[in-house]
């Protein structure tokens, strides 16, 4: 339970940090980065990653509740 919870928090922090810094000069603002439609397609492809951490937290809680009921 503790490793999965820690993982959920860390993945959430990492993906939110990445989303907030998406257009920085070192990321998508760098020369040679995709522009126009290619930028929006790439952004749309990465957008579901924001759900990874919260969904991991949900399945961790569901697993914990299920295992607690079985005892």
PDB file of N, CA and C in Angstrom:
ATOM      1  N   UNK A   1       0.825  -1.200   0.000  1.00  0.00           N
ATOM      2  CA  UNK A   1       0.000   0.000   0.000  1.00  0.00           C
ATOM      3  C   UNK A   1       0.863   1.256   0.000  1.00  0.00           C
ATOM      4  N   UNK A   2       1.880   1.285   0.856  1.00  0.00           N
ATOM      5  CA  UNK A   2       2.713   2.482   0.955  1.00  0.00           C
ATOM      6  C   UNK A   2       3.524   2.709  -0.329  1.00  0.00           C
ATOM      7  N   UNK A   3       4.146   1.680  -0.925  1.00  0.00           N
ATOM      8  CA  UNK A   3       4.862   1.937  -2.190  1.00  0.00           C
ATOM      9  C   UNK A   3       3.943   2.433  -3.307  1.00  0.00           C
ATOM     10  N   UNK A   4       2.759   1.864  -3.418  1.00  0.00           N
ATOM     11  CA  UNK A   4       1.830   2.303  -4.473  1.00  0.00           C
ATOM     12  C   UNK A   4       1.334   3.720  -4.215  1.00  0.00           C
ATOM     13  N   UNK A   5       1.065   4.048  -2.971  1.00  0.00           N
ATOM     14  CA  UNK A   5       0.627   5.412  -2.635  1.00  0.00           C
ATOM     15  C   UNK A   5       1.725   6.424  -2.914  1.00  0.00           C
ATOM     16  N   UNK A   6       2.934   6.071  -2.532  1.00  0.00           N
ATOM     17  CA  UNK A   6       4.072   6.952  -2.796  1.00  0.00           C
ATOM     18  C   UNK A   6       4.268   7.124  -4.302  1.00  0.00           C
ATOM     19  N   UNK A   7       4.150   6.027  -5.026  1.00  0.00           N
ATOM     20  CA  UNK A   7       4.275   6.088  -6.477  1.00  0.00           C
ATOM     21  C   UNK A   7       3.208   6.964  -7.105  1.00  0.00           C
ATOM     22  N   UNK A   8       1.982   6.865  -6.616  1.00  0.00           N
ATOM     23  CA  UNK A   8       0.887   7.674  -7.151  1.00  0.00           C
ATOM     24  C   UNK A   8       1.158   9.162  -6.927  1.00  0.00           C
ATOM     25  N   UNK A   9       1.640   9.496  -5.743  1.00  0.00           N
ATOM     26  CA  UNK A   9       1.942  10.906  -5.442  1.00  0.00           C
ATOM     27  C   UNK A   9       3.096  11.398  -6.313  1.00  0.00           C
ATOM     28  N   UNK A  10       4.147  10.597  -6.436  1.00  0.00           N
ATOM     29  CA  UNK A  10       5.301  11.021  -7.226  1.00  0.00           C
ATOM     30  C   UNK A  10       4.966  11.150  -8.709  1.00  0.00           C
ATOM     31  N   UNK A  11       4.219  10.194  -9.244  1.00  0.00           N
ATOM     32  CA  UNK A  11       3.837  10.270 -10.657  1.00  0.00           C
ATOM     33  C   UNK A  11       2.960  11.493 -10.902  1.00  0.00           C
ATOM     34  N   UNK A  12       2.058  11.780  -9.973  1.00  0.00           N
ATOM     35  CA  UNK A  12       1.215  12.966 -10.108  1.00  0.00           C
ATOM     36  C   UNK A  12       2.060  14.235 -10.097  1.00  0.00           C
ATOM     37  N   UNK A  13       2.996  14.327  -9.164  1.00  0.00           N
ATOM     38  CA  UNK A  13       3.857  15.513  -9.088  1.00  0.00           C
ATOM     39  C   UNK A  13       4.709  15.669 -10.343  1.00  0.00           C
ATOM     40  N   UNK A  14       5.253  14.577 -10.838  1.00  0.00           N
ATOM     41  CA  UNK A  14       6.107  14.641 -12.026  1.00  0.00           C
ATOM     42  C   UNK A  14       5.311  15.065 -13.251  1.00  0.00           C
ATOM     43  N   UNK A  15       4.130  14.480 -13.439  1.00  0.00           N
ATOM     44  CA  UNK A  15       3.352  14.812 -14.639  1.00  0.00           C
ATOM     45  C   UNK A  15       2.781  16.229 -14.573  1.00  0.00           C
ATOM     46  N   UNK A  16       2.362  16.671 -13.397  1.00  0.00           N
ATOM     47  CA  UNK A  16       1.867  18.042 -13.270  1.00  0.00           C
ATOM     48  C   UNK A  16       3.010  19.029 -13.493  1.00  0.00           C
ATOM     49  N   UNK A  17       4.180  18.724 -12.946  1.00  0.00           N
ATOM     50  CA  UNK A  17       5.345  19.580 -13.168  1.00  0.00           C
ATOM     51  C   UNK A  17       5.691  19.645 -14.657  1.00  0.00           C
ATOM     52  N   UNK A  18       5.641  18.511 -15.324  1.00  0.00           N
ATOM     53  CA  UNK A  18       5.904  18.488 -16.766  1.00  0.00           C
ATOM     54  C   UNK A  18       4.885  19.298 -17.548  1.00  0.00           C
ATOM     55  N   UNK A  19       3.626  19.216 -17.147  1.00  0.00           N
ATOM     56  CA  UNK A  19       2.579  19.977 -17.833  1.00  0.00           C
ATOM     57  C   UNK A  19       2.761  21.480 -17.624  1.00  0.00           C
ATOM     58  N   UNK A  20       3.163  21.867 -16.427  1.00  0.00           N
ATOM     59  CA  UNK A  20       3.357  23.295 -16.149  1.00  0.00           C
ATOM     60  C   UNK A  20       4.573  23.859 -16.869  1.00  0.00           C
ATOM     61  N   UNK A  21       5.552  22.990 -17.146  1.00  0.00           N
ATOM     62  CA  UNK A  21       6.782  23.429 -17.808  1.00  0.00           C
ATOM     63  C   UNK A  21       6.828  23.022 -19.278  1.00  0.00           C
ATOM     64  N   UNK A  22       5.717  22.634 -19.825  1.00  0.00           N
ATOM     65  CA  UNK A  22       5.637  22.097 -21.189  1.00  0.00           C
ATOM     66  C   UNK A  22       6.213  23.070 -22.222  1.00  0.00           C
ATOM     67  N   UNK A  23       5.929  24.348 -22.100  1.00  0.00           N
ATOM     68  CA  UNK A  23       6.348  25.324 -23.106  1.00  0.00           C
ATOM     69  C   UNK A  23       7.633  26.058 -22.757  1.00  0.00           C
ATOM     70  N   UNK A  24       8.367  25.601 -21.762  1.00  0.00           N
ATOM     71  CA  UNK A  24       9.639  26.240 -21.416  1.00  0.00           C
ATOM     72  C   UNK A  24      10.619  26.152 -22.580  1.00  0.00           C
ATOM     73  N   UNK A  25      11.631  27.004 -22.536  1.00  0.00           N
ATOM     74  CA  UNK A  25      12.628  27.045 -23.609  1.00  0.00           C
ATOM     75  C   UNK A  25      13.378  25.718 -23.752  1.00  0.00           C
ATOM     76  N   UNK A  26      13.513  24.960 -22.670  1.00  0.00           N
ATOM     77  CA  UNK A  26      14.215  23.678 -22.736  1.00  0.00           C
ATOM     78  C   UNK A  26      13.327  22.549 -23.241  1.00  0.00           C
ATOM     79  N   UNK A  27      12.034  22.782 -23.328  1.00  0.00           N
ATOM     80  CA  UNK A  27      11.106  21.730 -23.755  1.00  0.00           C
ATOM     81  C   UNK A  27      10.537  22.058 -25.126  1.00  0.00           C
ATOM     82  N   UNK A  28       9.251  22.342 -25.178  1.00  0.00           N
ATOM     83  CA  UNK A  28       8.585  22.593 -26.453  1.00  0.00           C
ATOM     84  C   UNK A  28       8.888  23.980 -27.007  1.00  0.00           C
ATOM     85  N   UNK A  29       9.530  24.836 -26.235  1.00  0.00           N
ATOM     86  CA  UNK A  29       9.900  26.150 -26.719  1.00  0.00           C
ATOM     87  C   UNK A  29      11.278  26.174 -27.364  1.00  0.00           C
ATOM     88  N   UNK A  30      11.977  25.050 -27.359  1.00  0.00           N
ATOM     89  CA  UNK A  30      13.320  24.974 -27.924  1.00  0.00           C
ATOM     90  C   UNK A  30      13.269  24.997 -29.453  1.00  0.00           C
ATOM     91  N   UNK A  31      14.309  25.507 -30.071  1.00  0.00           N
ATOM     92  CA  UNK A  31      14.360  25.474 -31.530  1.00  0.00           C
ATOM     93  C   UNK A  31      14.297  24.022 -32.033  1.00  0.00           C
ATOM     94  N   UNK A  32      13.573  23.801 -33.087  1.00  0.00           N
ATOM     95  CA  UNK A  32      13.437  22.457 -33.639  1.00  0.00           C
ATOM     96  C   UNK A  32      12.285  21.670 -33.053  1.00  0.00           C
ATOM     97  N   UNK A  33      11.591  22.236 -32.067  1.00  0.00           N
ATOM     98  CA  UNK A  33      10.427  21.555 -31.494  1.00  0.00           C
ATOM     99  C   UNK A  33       9.273  21.603 -32.492  1.00  0.00           C
ATOM    100  N   UNK A  34       8.349  20.663 -32.376  1.00  0.00           N
ATOM    101  CA  UNK A  34       7.201  20.675 -33.292  1.00  0.00           C
ATOM    102  C   UNK A  34       6.426  21.987 -33.212  1.00  0.00           C
ATOM    103  N   UNK A  35       5.899  22.396 -34.344  1.00  0.00           N
ATOM    104  CA  UNK A  35       5.104  23.617 -34.408  1.00  0.00           C
ATOM    105  C   UNK A  35       3.778  23.331 -35.083  1.00  0.00           C
ATOM    106  N   UNK A  36       2.828  24.218 -34.888  1.00  0.00           N
ATOM    107  CA  UNK A  36       1.537  24.114 -35.572  1.00  0.00           C
ATOM    108  C   UNK A  36       0.766  22.863 -35.178  1.00  0.00           C
ATOM    109  N   UNK A  37       0.274  22.168 -36.185  1.00  0.00           N
ATOM    110  CA  UNK A  37      -0.533  20.965 -35.954  1.00  0.00           C
ATOM    111  C   UNK A  37       0.276  19.893 -35.231  1.00  0.00           C
ATOM    112  N   UNK A  38       1.550  19.780 -35.569  1.00  0.00           N
ATOM    113  CA  UNK A  38       2.411  18.768 -34.940  1.00  0.00           C
ATOM    114  C   UNK A  38       2.539  19.015 -33.444  1.00  0.00           C
ATOM    115  N   UNK A  39       2.614  20.275 -33.035  1.00  0.00           N
ATOM    116  CA  UNK A  39       2.666  20.626 -31.614  1.00  0.00           C
ATOM    117  C   UNK A  39       1.395  20.162 -30.907  1.00  0.00           C
ATOM    118  N   UNK A  40       0.232  20.445 -31.519  1.00  0.00           N
ATOM    119  CA  UNK A  40      -1.040  20.100 -30.886  1.00  0.00           C
ATOM    120  C   UNK A  40      -1.267  18.602 -30.854  1.00  0.00           C
ATOM    121  N   UNK A  41      -0.822  17.878 -31.863  1.00  0.00           N
ATOM    122  CA  UNK A  41      -0.947  16.412 -31.855  1.00  0.00           C
ATOM    123  C   UNK A  41      -0.073  15.831 -30.752  1.00  0.00           C
ATOM    124  N   UNK A  42       1.151  16.315 -30.646  1.00  0.00           N
ATOM    125  CA  UNK A  42       2.050  15.824 -29.602  1.00  0.00           C
ATOM    126  C   UNK A  42       1.501  16.144 -28.215  1.00  0.00           C
ATOM    127  N   UNK A  43       0.981  17.354 -28.035  1.00  0.00           N
ATOM    128  CA  UNK A  43       0.396  17.736 -26.754  1.00  0.00           C
ATOM    129  C   UNK A  43      -0.797  16.851 -26.421  1.00  0.00           C
ATOM    130  N   UNK A  44      -1.650  16.585 -27.400  1.00  0.00           N
ATOM    131  CA  UNK A  44      -2.820  15.727 -27.171  1.00  0.00           C
ATOM    132  C   UNK A  44      -2.412  14.305 -26.815  1.00  0.00           C
ATOM    133  N   UNK A  45      -1.322  13.827 -27.387  1.00  0.00           N
ATOM    134  CA  UNK A  45      -0.851  12.474 -27.084  1.00  0.00           C
ATOM    135  C   UNK A  45      -0.303  12.361 -25.663  1.00  0.00           C
ATOM    136  N   UNK A  46       0.309  13.424 -25.162  1.00  0.00           N
ATOM    137  CA  UNK A  46       0.863  13.407 -23.808  1.00  0.00           C
ATOM    138  C   UNK A  46      -0.168  13.751 -22.734  1.00  0.00           C
ATOM    139  N   UNK A  47      -1.273  14.352 -23.101  1.00  0.00           N
ATOM    140  CA  UNK A  47      -2.275  14.801 -22.136  1.00  0.00           C
ATOM    141  C   UNK A  47      -2.812  13.685 -21.224  1.00  0.00           C
ATOM    142  N   UNK A  48      -3.055  12.466 -21.722  1.00  0.00           N
ATOM    143  CA  UNK A  48      -3.557  11.415 -20.828  1.00  0.00           C
ATOM    144  C   UNK A  48      -2.604  11.043 -19.689  1.00  0.00           C
ATOM    145  N   UNK A  49      -1.328  11.381 -19.829  1.00  0.00           N
ATOM    146  CA  UNK A  49      -0.386  11.089 -18.744  1.00  0.00           C
ATOM    147  C   UNK A  49      -0.765  11.782 -17.441  1.00  0.00           C
ATOM    148  N   UNK A  50      -1.489  12.901 -17.540  1.00  0.00           N
ATOM    149  CA  UNK A  50      -1.913  13.614 -16.327  1.00  0.00           C
ATOM    150  C   UNK A  50      -2.859  12.769 -15.479  1.00  0.00           C
ATOM    151  N   UNK A  51      -3.540  11.817 -16.089  1.00  0.00           N
ATOM    152  CA  UNK A  51      -4.482  10.967 -15.351  1.00  0.00           C
ATOM    153  C   UNK A  51      -3.793   9.766 -14.697  1.00  0.00           C
ATOM    154  N   UNK A  52      -2.566   9.470 -15.067  1.00  0.00           N
ATOM    155  CA  UNK A  52      -1.888   8.275 -14.586  1.00  0.00           C
ATOM    156  C   UNK A  52      -1.769   8.258 -13.058  1.00  0.00           C
ATOM    157  N   UNK A  53      -1.257   9.311 -12.452  1.00  0.00           N
ATOM    158  CA  UNK A  53      -1.077   9.357 -10.996  1.00  0.00           C
ATOM    159  C   UNK A  53      -2.387   9.258 -10.233  1.00  0.00           C
ATOM    160  N   UNK A  54      -3.382  10.098 -10.557  1.00  0.00           N
ATOM    161  CA  UNK A  54      -4.664   9.986  -9.855  1.00  0.00           C
ATOM    162  C   UNK A  54      -5.342   8.617 -10.042  1.00  0.00           C
ATOM    163  N   UNK A  55      -5.246   8.050 -11.238  1.00  0.00           N
ATOM    164  CA  UNK A  55      -5.844   6.723 -11.449  1.00  0.00           C
ATOM    165  C   UNK A  55      -5.101   5.648 -10.665  1.00  0.00           C
ATOM    166  N   UNK A  56      -3.797   5.779 -10.541  1.00  0.00           N
ATOM    167  CA  UNK A  56      -3.026   4.848  -9.709  1.00  0.00           C
ATOM    168  C   UNK A  56      -3.462   4.962  -8.249  1.00  0.00           C
ATOM    169  N   UNK A  57      -3.735   6.166  -7.790  1.00  0.00           N
ATOM    170  CA  UNK A  57      -4.224   6.354  -6.417  1.00  0.00           C
ATOM    171  C   UNK A  57      -5.581   5.692  -6.229  1.00  0.00           C
ATOM    172  N   UNK A  58      -6.450   5.798  -7.226  1.00  0.00           N
ATOM    173  CA  UNK A  58      -7.784   5.190  -7.134  1.00  0.00           C
ATOM    174  C   UNK A  58      -7.674   3.669  -7.057  1.00  0.00           C
ATOM    175  N   UNK A  59      -6.879   3.062  -7.932  1.00  0.00           N
ATOM    176  CA  UNK A  59      -6.775   1.600  -7.896  1.00  0.00           C
ATOM    177  C   UNK A  59      -6.041   1.121  -6.651  1.00  0.00           C
ATOM    178  N   UNK A  60      -5.128   1.933  -6.121  1.00  0.00           N
ATOM    179  CA  UNK A  60      -4.457   1.580  -4.867  1.00  0.00           C
ATOM    180  C   UNK A  60      -5.460   1.554  -3.719  1.00  0.00           C
ATOM    181  N   UNK A  61      -6.315   2.569  -3.647  1.00  0.00           N
ATOM    182  CA  UNK A  61      -7.333   2.608  -2.597  1.00  0.00           C
ATOM    183  C   UNK A  61      -8.322   1.454  -2.747  1.00  0.00           C
ATOM    184  N   UNK A  62      -8.713   1.144  -3.978  1.00  0.00           N
ATOM    185  CA  UNK A  62      -9.650   0.038  -4.207  1.00  0.00           C
ATOM    186  C   UNK A  62      -9.018  -1.284  -3.799  1.00  0.00           C
ATOM    187  N   UNK A  63      -7.747  -1.474  -4.122  1.00  0.00           N
ATOM    188  CA  UNK A  63      -7.047  -2.696  -3.737  1.00  0.00           C
ATOM    189  C   UNK A  63      -6.957  -2.810  -2.217  1.00  0.00           C
ATOM    190  N   UNK A  64      -6.627  -1.713  -1.562  1.00  0.00           N
ATOM    191  CA  UNK A  64      -6.521  -1.705  -0.098  1.00  0.00           C
ATOM    192  C   UNK A  64      -7.863  -2.061   0.548  1.00  0.00           C
ATOM    193  N   UNK A  65      -8.938  -1.447   0.048  1.00  0.00           N
ATOM    194  CA  UNK A  65     -10.271  -1.733   0.604  1.00  0.00           C
ATOM    195  C   UNK A  65     -10.669  -3.186   0.377  1.00  0.00           C
ATOM    196  N   UNK A  66     -10.390  -3.717  -0.804  1.00  0.00           N
ATOM    197  CA  UNK A  66     -10.732  -5.107  -1.097  1.00  0.00           C
ATOM    198  C   UNK A  66      -9.971  -6.056  -0.213  1.00  0.00           C
ATOM    199  N   UNK A  67      -8.661  -5.831  -0.049  1.00  0.00           N
ATOM    200  CA  UNK A  67      -7.831  -6.707   0.783  1.00  0.00           C
ATOM    201  C   UNK A  67      -8.219  -6.619   2.255  1.00  0.00           C
ATOM    202  N   UNK A  68      -8.655  -5.438   2.700  1.00  0.00           N
ATOM    203  CA  UNK A  68      -9.060  -5.257   4.084  1.00  0.00           C
ATOM    204  C   UNK A  68     -10.356  -6.017   4.376  1.00  0.00           C
ATOM    205  N   UNK A  69     -11.251  -6.063   3.400  1.00  0.00           N
ATOM    206  CA  UNK A  69     -12.517  -6.776   3.563  1.00  0.00           C
ATOM    207  C   UNK A  69     -12.329  -8.280   3.620  1.00  0.00           C
ATOM    208  N   UNK A  70     -11.298  -8.793   2.955  1.00  0.00           N
ATOM    209  CA  UNK A  70     -11.078 -10.238   2.902  1.00  0.00           C
ATOM    210  C   UNK A  70     -10.572 -10.822   4.202  1.00  0.00           C
ATOM    211  N   UNK A  71     -10.041 -10.025   5.070  1.00  0.00           N
ATOM    212  CA  UNK A  71      -9.440 -10.551   6.314  1.00  0.00           C
ATOM    213  C   UNK A  71     -10.459 -10.925   7.315  1.00  0.00           C
TER     214      UNK A  71
END
